[in-house]
Protein backbone atom coordinates (compact mmCIF):
# COMPACT_ATOMS: atom_id res chain seq x y z
CA UNK A 1 -20.61 4.98 16.71
CA UNK A 2 -22.66 1.76 16.63
CA UNK A 3 -25.86 3.79 16.52
CA UNK A 4 -24.45 5.82 13.62
CA UNK A 5 -23.66 2.59 11.74
CA UNK A 6 -27.23 1.49 12.40
CA UNK A 7 -28.54 4.74 10.92
CA UNK A 8 -26.29 4.25 7.90
CA UNK A 9 -27.85 0.84 7.23
CA UNK A 10 -31.34 2.31 7.70
CA UNK A 11 -30.67 4.81 4.90
CA UNK A 12 -31.72 2.99 1.67
CA UNK A 13 -29.12 4.34 -0.79
CA UNK A 14 -26.25 4.23 1.72
CA UNK A 15 -27.27 0.72 2.80
CA UNK A 16 -27.20 -0.35 -0.86
CA UNK A 17 -23.67 1.04 -1.25
CA UNK A 18 -22.44 -0.63 1.93
CA UNK A 19 -23.93 -4.02 1.00
CA UNK A 20 -22.50 -3.74 -2.52
CA UNK A 21 -19.05 -3.02 -1.06
CA UNK A 22 -19.31 -5.96 1.35
CA UNK A 23 -20.40 -8.23 -1.50
CA UNK A 24 -17.37 -7.34 -3.63
CA UNK A 25 -15.08 -7.83 -0.63
CA UNK A 26 -16.60 -11.30 -0.05
CA UNK A 27 -15.94 -12.29 -3.67
CA UNK A 28 -12.37 -11.00 -3.34
CA UNK A 29 -11.76 -13.15 -0.26
CA UNK A 30 -13.33 -16.24 -1.81
CA UNK A 31 -11.03 -15.93 -4.82
CA UNK A 32 -8.01 -16.13 -2.50
CA UNK A 33 -8.85 -19.78 -1.73
CA UNK A 34 -9.82 -21.05 -5.21
CA UNK A 35 -6.79 -22.94 -6.64
CA UNK A 36 -5.56 -21.90 -10.05
CA UNK A 37 -5.95 -24.54 -12.81
CA UNK A 38 -3.20 -27.16 -12.76
CA UNK A 39 -2.21 -26.49 -9.13
CA UNK A 40 -2.40 -29.38 -6.65
CA UNK A 41 -4.11 -27.83 -3.61
CA UNK A 42 -3.12 -30.72 -1.33
CA UNK A 43 0.55 -30.32 -2.18
CA UNK A 44 0.32 -26.56 -1.61
CA UNK A 45 -1.07 -27.10 1.89
CA UNK A 46 1.62 -29.69 2.60
CA UNK A 47 4.35 -27.23 1.61
CA UNK A 48 2.79 -24.42 3.65
CA UNK A 49 2.76 -26.71 6.69
CA UNK A 50 6.57 -26.97 6.47
CA UNK A 51 6.81 -23.25 7.36
CA UNK A 52 9.68 -22.37 5.00
CA UNK A 53 8.03 -19.29 3.49
CA UNK A 54 9.01 -16.55 5.93
CA UNK A 55 10.78 -13.43 4.77
CA UNK A 56 11.64 -11.97 1.42
CA UNK A 57 9.60 -10.22 -1.20
CA UNK A 58 7.23 -13.18 -1.57
CA UNK A 59 6.00 -12.70 1.98
CA UNK A 60 5.64 -8.97 1.31
CA UNK A 61 3.53 -9.58 -1.82
CA UNK A 62 1.60 -12.30 0.01
CA UNK A 63 0.60 -9.66 2.59
CA UNK A 64 -1.08 -7.56 -0.13
CA UNK A 65 -2.82 -10.59 -1.65
CA UNK A 66 -4.37 -11.71 1.64
CA UNK A 67 -2.46 -15.01 1.61
CA UNK A 68 -3.51 -15.80 -1.97
CA UNK A 69 0.05 -15.77 -3.36
CA UNK A 70 1.34 -18.67 -1.27
CA UNK A 71 -1.96 -20.49 -1.86
CA UNK A 72 -1.31 -20.18 -5.64
CA UNK A 73 -4.98 -19.24 -6.12
CA UNK A 74 -6.66 -17.42 -9.00
CA UNK A 75 -6.07 -14.13 -7.15
CA UNK A 76 -2.46 -15.00 -6.28
CA UNK A 77 -1.04 -11.76 -7.70
CA UNK A 78 -3.46 -9.66 -5.67
CA UNK A 79 -3.43 -5.90 -6.06
CA UNK A 80 0.35 -5.48 -6.33
CA UNK A 81 0.49 -5.13 -10.16
CA UNK A 82 -1.99 -2.26 -9.96
CA UNK A 83 -0.06 -0.59 -7.11
CA UNK A 84 3.17 -0.87 -9.08
CA UNK A 85 1.51 0.46 -12.24
CA UNK A 86 0.05 3.42 -10.35
CA UNK A 87 3.44 4.30 -8.85
CA UNK A 88 5.17 4.02 -12.25
CA UNK A 89 2.53 6.25 -13.84
CA UNK A 90 3.08 8.88 -11.15
CA UNK A 91 6.85 8.73 -11.56
CA UNK A 92 6.55 9.05 -15.35
CA UNK A 93 4.95 12.47 -14.86
CA UNK A 94 8.40 13.74 -13.88
CA UNK A 95 10.13 12.12 -16.88
CA UNK A 96 7.53 12.41 -19.68
CA UNK A 97 6.01 15.89 -20.19
CA UNK A 98 2.93 14.40 -21.88
CA UNK A 99 1.96 12.62 -18.65
CA UNK A 100 2.27 15.88 -16.70
CA UNK A 101 0.09 17.63 -19.29
CA UNK A 102 -2.58 14.94 -18.93
CA UNK A 103 -2.45 15.33 -15.15
CA UNK A 104 -3.13 19.06 -15.50
CA UNK A 105 -6.01 18.65 -17.99
CA UNK A 106 -8.52 17.74 -15.30
CA UNK A 107 -11.02 14.89 -15.49
CA UNK A 108 -10.36 14.06 -19.14
CA UNK A 109 -6.60 13.84 -18.62
CA UNK A 110 -7.01 11.80 -15.44
CA UNK A 111 -9.22 9.38 -17.36
CA UNK A 112 -6.47 8.90 -19.93
CA UNK A 113 -3.87 8.32 -17.20
CA UNK A 114 -6.19 5.77 -15.60
CA UNK A 115 -6.43 3.97 -18.94
CA UNK A 116 -2.64 3.84 -19.21
CA UNK A 117 -2.49 2.49 -15.65
CA UNK A 118 -4.90 -0.30 -16.57
CA UNK A 119 -2.84 -1.34 -19.59
CA UNK A 120 0.35 -1.30 -17.53
CA UNK A 121 -1.37 -3.34 -14.79
CA UNK A 122 -2.21 -6.12 -17.25
CA UNK A 123 1.34 -6.08 -18.65
CA UNK A 124 2.85 -6.29 -15.16
CA UNK A 125 0.32 -8.98 -14.24
CA UNK A 126 1.44 -11.05 -17.22
CA UNK A 127 5.09 -10.62 -16.23
CA UNK A 128 4.43 -11.44 -12.56
CA UNK A 129 2.26 -14.44 -13.50
CA UNK A 130 5.08 -15.87 -15.63
CA UNK A 131 7.56 -15.41 -12.78
CA UNK A 132 5.17 -16.94 -10.25
CA UNK A 133 4.51 -20.01 -12.42
CA UNK A 134 8.25 -20.47 -12.93
CA UNK A 135 8.85 -20.33 -9.17
CA UNK A 136 5.95 -22.69 -8.50
CA UNK A 137 7.29 -25.23 -11.02
CA UNK A 138 10.74 -25.20 -9.41
CA UNK A 139 9.33 -25.35 -5.86
CA UNK A 140 11.24 -22.21 -4.82
CA UNK A 141 8.01 -20.30 -4.13
CA UNK A 142 7.29 -22.27 -0.97
CA UNK A 143 10.80 -22.81 0.37
CA UNK A 144 12.07 -25.62 -1.89
CA UNK A 145 8.95 -27.73 -1.46
CA UNK A 146 9.61 -31.49 -1.82
CA UNK A 147 6.33 -32.19 -3.67
CA UNK A 148 5.37 -30.60 -7.02
CA UNK A 149 2.88 -27.74 -6.89
CA UNK A 150 2.06 -28.18 -10.59
CA UNK A 151 2.14 -31.95 -11.28
CA UNK A 152 1.34 -31.54 -14.99
CA UNK A 153 3.66 -28.85 -16.33
CA UNK A 154 2.74 -29.27 -19.98
CA UNK A 155 2.66 -26.19 -22.20
CA UNK A 156 -1.15 -26.00 -22.27
CA UNK A 157 -1.41 -26.07 -18.47
CA UNK A 158 1.33 -23.46 -18.05
CA UNK A 159 -0.25 -21.09 -20.59
CA UNK A 160 -3.69 -21.58 -19.02
CA UNK A 161 -2.23 -20.90 -15.56
CA UNK A 162 -0.51 -17.68 -16.69
CA UNK A 163 -3.70 -16.45 -18.41
CA UNK A 164 -5.78 -17.25 -15.31
CA UNK A 165 -3.46 -15.40 -12.93
CA UNK A 166 -3.34 -12.37 -15.25
CA UNK A 167 -7.12 -12.41 -15.60
CA UNK A 168 -7.38 -12.56 -11.81
CA UNK A 169 -5.38 -9.34 -11.58
CA UNK A 170 -7.66 -7.69 -14.14
CA UNK A 171 -10.75 -8.87 -12.24
CA UNK A 172 -9.43 -7.47 -8.95
CA UNK A 173 -8.73 -4.13 -10.64
CA UNK A 174 -12.27 -4.09 -12.06
CA UNK A 175 -13.81 -4.93 -8.68
CA UNK A 176 -11.84 -2.14 -7.03
CA UNK A 177 -13.12 0.36 -9.60
CA UNK A 178 -16.68 -0.90 -9.07
CA UNK A 179 -16.41 -0.21 -5.34
CA UNK A 180 -15.13 3.31 -6.04
CA UNK A 181 -17.96 3.97 -8.48
CA UNK A 182 -20.93 2.27 -6.80
CA UNK A 183 -19.81 1.54 -3.25
CA UNK A 184 -18.26 3.41 -0.34
CA UNK A 185 -14.63 4.51 -0.19
CA UNK A 186 -11.70 3.94 -2.52
CA UNK A 187 -12.06 0.47 -3.98
CA UNK A 188 -8.38 -0.41 -4.40
CA UNK A 189 -7.56 0.79 -0.89
CA UNK A 190 -10.43 -1.22 0.60
CA UNK A 191 -9.28 -4.40 -1.15
CA UNK A 192 -5.76 -3.89 0.23
CA UNK A 193 -7.30 -3.22 3.66
CA UNK A 194 -9.29 -6.47 3.42
CA UNK A 195 -6.26 -8.51 2.33
CA UNK A 196 -4.12 -7.27 5.22
CA UNK A 197 -6.87 -7.47 7.86
CA UNK A 198 -7.59 -11.08 6.85
CA UNK A 199 -4.18 -12.10 8.17
CA UNK A 200 -4.61 -10.57 11.63
CA UNK A 201 -6.47 -13.48 13.30
CA UNK A 202 -3.90 -15.99 12.02
CA UNK A 203 -0.96 -13.84 13.14
CA UNK A 204 -2.38 -13.23 16.61
CA UNK A 205 -3.29 -16.90 16.97
CA UNK A 206 0.25 -17.94 16.03
CA UNK A 207 1.71 -15.55 18.63
CA UNK A 208 -0.63 -16.95 21.29
CA UNK A 209 0.29 -20.53 20.34
CA UNK A 210 4.07 -20.09 20.16
CA UNK A 211 4.79 -17.26 22.63
CA UNK A 212 2.15 -17.76 25.31
CA UNK A 213 -0.52 -15.57 26.89
CA UNK A 214 1.85 -13.03 28.48
CA UNK A 215 3.52 -12.11 25.18
CA UNK A 216 0.11 -12.14 23.47
CA UNK A 217 -1.22 -9.59 25.99
CA UNK A 218 1.88 -7.40 25.57
CA UNK A 219 1.46 -7.51 21.79
CA UNK A 220 -2.16 -6.38 22.08
CA UNK A 221 -1.21 -3.51 24.42
CA UNK A 222 1.62 -2.47 22.11
CA UNK A 223 -0.82 -2.66 19.19
CA UNK A 224 -3.22 -0.25 20.90
CA UNK A 225 -0.37 2.21 21.56
CA UNK A 226 0.97 1.96 17.99
CA UNK A 227 -2.47 2.41 16.42
CA UNK A 228 -3.15 5.44 18.62
CA UNK A 229 0.15 7.07 17.66
CA UNK A 230 -0.34 6.30 13.96
CA UNK A 231 -3.82 7.85 14.01
CA UNK A 232 -2.42 10.95 15.75
CA UNK A 233 0.34 11.42 13.16
CA UNK A 234 -1.86 10.58 10.15
CA UNK A 235 -4.34 13.26 11.25
CA UNK A 236 -1.60 15.85 11.93
CA UNK A 237 -1.10 18.62 9.38
CA UNK A 238 0.39 22.08 9.02
CA UNK A 239 -2.25 24.53 7.85
CA UNK A 240 -0.78 27.41 5.85
CA UNK A 241 -3.30 30.31 5.77
CA UNK A 242 -4.27 31.68 2.34
CA UNK A 243 -6.16 34.93 1.75
CA UNK A 244 -7.95 35.66 -1.53
CA UNK A 245 -8.21 39.28 -2.58
CA UNK A 246 -11.52 40.76 -3.70
CA UNK A 247 -11.94 41.25 -7.43
CA UNK A 248 -14.73 42.43 -9.72
CA UNK A 249 -16.11 40.06 -12.35
CA UNK A 250 -18.78 42.01 -14.23
CA UNK A 251 -21.01 43.43 -11.52
CA UNK A 252 -20.16 40.77 -9.01
CA UNK A 253 -17.50 40.93 -6.31
CA UNK A 254 -15.60 37.66 -5.89
CA UNK A 255 -12.92 36.61 -3.42
CA UNK A 256 -12.16 38.07 -0.07
CA UNK A 257 -12.33 34.66 1.60
CA UNK A 258 -9.79 32.92 3.80
CA UNK A 259 -8.75 29.28 3.56
CA UNK A 260 -5.62 27.20 4.15
CA UNK A 261 -3.29 24.71 2.45
CA UNK A 262 -3.16 21.49 4.50
CA UNK A 263 0.32 19.94 4.46
CA UNK A 264 0.23 16.56 6.20
CA UNK A 265 3.10 15.34 8.33
CA UNK A 266 3.01 12.07 6.37
CA UNK A 267 2.35 13.22 2.82
CA UNK A 268 4.04 10.20 1.23
CA UNK A 269 1.77 7.60 2.83
CA UNK A 270 3.08 4.05 2.69
CA UNK A 271 4.90 4.38 -0.67
CA UNK A 272 8.42 4.94 0.82
CA UNK A 273 8.11 1.73 2.86
CA UNK A 274 7.18 -0.23 -0.27
CA UNK A 275 10.08 1.29 -2.22
CA UNK A 276 12.57 0.59 0.57
CA UNK A 277 11.40 -3.01 1.00
CA UNK A 278 11.73 -3.65 -2.74
CA UNK A 279 15.20 -2.09 -2.91
CA UNK A 280 16.49 -4.14 0.03
CA UNK A 281 15.22 -7.33 -1.56
CA UNK A 282 17.27 -6.82 -4.74
CA UNK A 283 20.66 -7.79 -3.15
CA UNK A 284 19.06 -10.92 -1.72
CA UNK A 285 17.63 -11.80 -5.14
CA UNK A 286 21.01 -11.29 -6.84
CA UNK A 287 22.74 -13.46 -4.24
CA UNK A 288 20.21 -16.26 -4.79
CA UNK A 289 20.97 -16.31 -8.51
CA UNK A 290 24.74 -16.42 -7.78
CA UNK A 291 24.60 -19.25 -5.24
CA UNK A 292 25.94 -22.51 -6.77
CA UNK A 293 23.42 -25.34 -6.89
CA UNK A 294 26.04 -28.13 -6.86
CA UNK A 295 26.99 -27.55 -3.22
CA UNK A 296 30.23 -25.64 -3.86
CA UNK A 297 30.89 -22.65 -1.54
CA UNK A 298 29.51 -19.35 -2.86
CA UNK A 299 31.64 -16.26 -3.47
CA UNK A 300 32.66 -14.05 -0.56
CA UNK A 301 30.35 -11.20 -1.58
CA UNK A 302 27.40 -13.63 -1.71
CA UNK A 303 28.12 -14.69 1.89
CA UNK A 304 28.37 -11.02 2.92
CA UNK A 305 25.01 -10.19 1.33
CA UNK A 306 23.40 -13.26 2.88
CA UNK A 307 24.74 -12.34 6.32
CA UNK A 308 24.06 -8.61 6.41
CA UNK A 309 21.34 -7.78 3.85
CA UNK A 310 19.00 -10.77 4.01
CA UNK A 311 18.15 -11.17 7.69
CA UNK A 312 15.90 -8.46 9.14
CA UNK A 313 17.37 -8.84 12.63
CA UNK A 314 20.82 -7.48 11.67
CA UNK A 315 21.57 -3.85 12.72
CA UNK A 316 23.01 -2.99 9.27
CA UNK A 317 19.81 -4.16 7.58
CA UNK A 318 17.69 -2.07 9.97
CA UNK A 319 19.88 1.02 9.46
CA UNK A 320 19.73 0.74 5.65
CA UNK A 321 15.98 0.14 5.80
CA UNK A 322 15.47 3.27 7.91
CA UNK A 323 17.71 5.46 5.72
CA UNK A 324 16.06 4.25 2.51
CA UNK A 325 12.62 5.10 3.92
CA UNK A 326 13.80 8.62 4.82
CA UNK A 327 15.30 9.08 1.34
CA UNK A 328 12.23 7.81 -0.53
CA UNK A 329 9.94 9.95 1.66
CA UNK A 330 11.71 13.11 0.53
CA UNK A 331 11.88 11.81 -3.04
CA UNK A 332 8.18 10.97 -3.29
CA UNK A 333 7.03 14.20 -1.63
CA UNK A 334 9.25 16.17 -4.03
CA UNK A 335 7.56 14.67 -7.11
CA UNK A 336 3.98 14.77 -5.81
CA UNK A 337 3.88 18.28 -4.29
CA UNK A 338 5.13 21.07 -6.56
CA UNK A 339 5.44 24.40 -4.67
CA UNK A 340 5.88 26.32 -7.95
CA UNK A 341 2.63 24.93 -9.35
CA UNK A 342 0.72 25.68 -6.12
CA UNK A 343 2.15 29.21 -6.06
CA UNK A 344 1.14 29.85 -9.69
CA UNK A 345 -2.41 28.60 -9.07
CA UNK A 346 -2.74 30.86 -6.01
CA UNK A 347 -1.44 33.85 -7.99
CA UNK A 348 -3.82 33.12 -10.87
CA UNK A 349 -6.87 33.28 -8.60
CA UNK A 350 -5.69 36.20 -6.47
CA UNK A 351 -4.56 34.19 -3.46
CA UNK A 352 -1.60 34.95 -1.23
CA UNK A 353 -0.09 33.86 2.07
CA UNK A 354 -0.26 36.72 4.62
CA UNK A 355 3.18 38.29 4.96
CA UNK A 356 4.59 36.48 1.89
CA UNK A 357 4.78 38.03 -1.57
CA UNK A 358 3.07 36.16 -4.42
CA UNK A 359 5.11 34.25 -6.98
CA UNK A 360 8.61 32.96 -6.28
CA UNK A 361 8.71 34.00 -2.56
CA UNK A 362 5.52 31.97 -1.99
CA UNK A 363 7.04 28.91 -3.69
CA UNK A 364 10.21 29.27 -1.59
CA UNK A 365 8.17 29.55 1.60
CA UNK A 366 6.13 26.45 0.71
CA UNK A 367 9.34 24.54 -0.04
CA UNK A 368 10.78 25.71 3.31
CA UNK A 369 7.75 24.45 5.23
CA UNK A 370 7.56 21.23 3.22
CA UNK A 371 11.21 20.28 3.75
CA UNK A 372 10.92 20.71 7.51
CA UNK A 373 7.59 18.98 8.02
CA UNK A 374 8.73 16.03 5.87
CA UNK A 375 11.57 15.21 8.30
CA UNK A 376 9.36 14.14 11.24
CA UNK A 377 7.11 12.33 8.74
CA UNK A 378 10.08 10.39 7.35
CA UNK A 379 11.38 9.50 10.83
CA UNK A 380 7.87 8.41 11.84
CA UNK A 381 7.58 6.13 8.79
CA UNK A 382 11.00 4.61 9.46
CA UNK A 383 10.23 3.88 13.11
CA UNK A 384 6.83 2.33 12.37
CA UNK A 385 8.36 0.17 9.61
CA UNK A 386 11.04 -1.09 12.03
CA UNK A 387 8.49 -2.33 14.59
CA UNK A 388 8.17 -5.86 13.06
CA UNK A 389 11.97 -6.17 12.82
CA UNK A 390 12.34 -5.14 16.46
CA UNK A 391 9.66 -7.69 17.33
CA UNK A 392 11.75 -10.33 15.53
CA UNK A 393 14.75 -9.55 17.73
CA UNK A 394 12.80 -9.32 20.99
CA UNK A 395 10.17 -12.08 20.76
CA UNK A 396 10.89 -13.77 17.42
CA UNK A 397 7.55 -12.72 15.91
CA UNK A 398 8.50 -10.83 12.75
CA UNK A 399 6.06 -12.35 10.26
CA UNK A 400 3.41 -12.89 12.92
CA UNK A 401 3.59 -9.36 14.36
CA UNK A 402 0.64 -7.49 12.84
CA UNK A 403 0.91 -4.08 14.54
CA UNK A 404 3.63 -2.39 12.58
CA UNK A 405 5.22 -1.73 9.23
CA UNK A 406 3.23 -1.45 6.04
CA UNK A 407 0.16 -3.25 7.36
CA UNK A 408 -0.71 -0.88 10.21
CA UNK A 409 -0.09 2.22 8.09
CA UNK A 410 -2.49 0.99 5.41
CA UNK A 411 -5.13 -0.24 7.86
CA UNK A 412 -5.26 3.02 9.81
CA UNK A 413 -5.09 5.25 6.72
CA UNK A 414 -7.79 3.41 4.76
CA UNK A 415 -9.96 2.99 7.84
CA UNK A 416 -9.90 6.71 8.65
CA UNK A 417 -10.62 7.71 5.04
CA UNK A 418 -13.54 5.26 4.70
CA UNK A 419 -15.11 6.37 7.98
CA UNK A 420 -14.83 10.00 6.85
CA UNK A 421 -16.62 9.22 3.59
CA UNK A 422 -19.45 7.41 5.39
CA UNK A 423 -19.66 10.30 7.85
CA UNK A 424 -19.85 12.82 5.00
CA UNK A 425 -22.76 10.95 3.42
CA UNK A 426 -24.53 10.79 6.77
CA UNK A 427 -23.98 14.52 7.29
CA UNK A 428 -25.63 15.20 3.95
CA UNK A 429 -28.74 13.55 5.34
CA UNK A 430 -28.56 15.62 8.55
CA UNK A 431 -27.42 12.69 10.68
CA UNK A 432 -24.89 12.87 13.46
CA UNK A 433 -22.40 10.65 11.64
CA UNK A 434 -19.58 8.38 12.72
CA UNK A 435 -17.23 11.17 13.83
CA UNK A 436 -18.30 13.52 16.59
């Protein structure tokens, strides 16, 4: 593999793409440490040293920003507004027929959908920036920090801060598209990969410092096992054979070939985990807004939510988390894979599944296979997502446990896809490639 990487860098055009990608990634990481205007960097570091930032949606968003959120840097919002906008655009295809029509128009329609996603990203970035600045002013962002993060909270500074954070989101989106166009791999995915991977050394170092060498070694061994299993499942697929009948077009005979429809075990990717995490945070957010600030006891339902739906080490929280992931896996697969559409396309081009009649029987068969292969995929996602919570119960290393949950799914998925793209470009030049 190392020799293949060496050959990739010796190929002029591929080397240029790889260096361009690495350059954009470097700029992305540098932006995570540049303080936003009006933010006192010394006070931010003092608040982070208190260690009151574990848990909640902020920690989840901070994962995708590579630590930039809790640093209140110019890239504090990270890639999350774009991810949210992309998911909303996909969901709108089910609700708004115009979006579905654009999706079916090919490259021109996809370009229009991408434009809508960009606009929505900026709008969400503006909303998230306003929320982040409000939390930073109150000190709630970093666990009720005793020192002000924004010493001068005048209107000009606040407006400038919101504009800077929104512009940072737009710049990250632009850099991701540049990587996709001129670099190697999917730009947005690579930026998420970089943000998550940047936290691995810190997390492992914290486990070594607080838990000792024995636990550190066990974590590494468990990480190797988890990564191996995730790679195995991510590469697993059910191949449904498709035969195309021969047909005459003018004087030419077309068709007669055999291919297959690959249905992955995990077709939903990491989206169900993100949905489930966001849904479970809503009760915690509502309870925070209904907790009296004058020291009076909160309502009984607030105490119940705080006890059972806030802490990740409670069995009820784990059970709800698992069930929500299973539900959203089925939901997301149902809206992204349409058996009726696939059946119609096969029928249009003379394709059929051996032993299955074309048309409605084909759609029913595809739905039958899809519903059964989604179950192990949903269970797999739920178990992988529970690994950090189990680590919290066993060794108290929830936020510092890197081999599990959303992070490992994204790292393995993006890593495999990027290696495949590099390998494909090497194969075009008659090289052996990264994959044997």
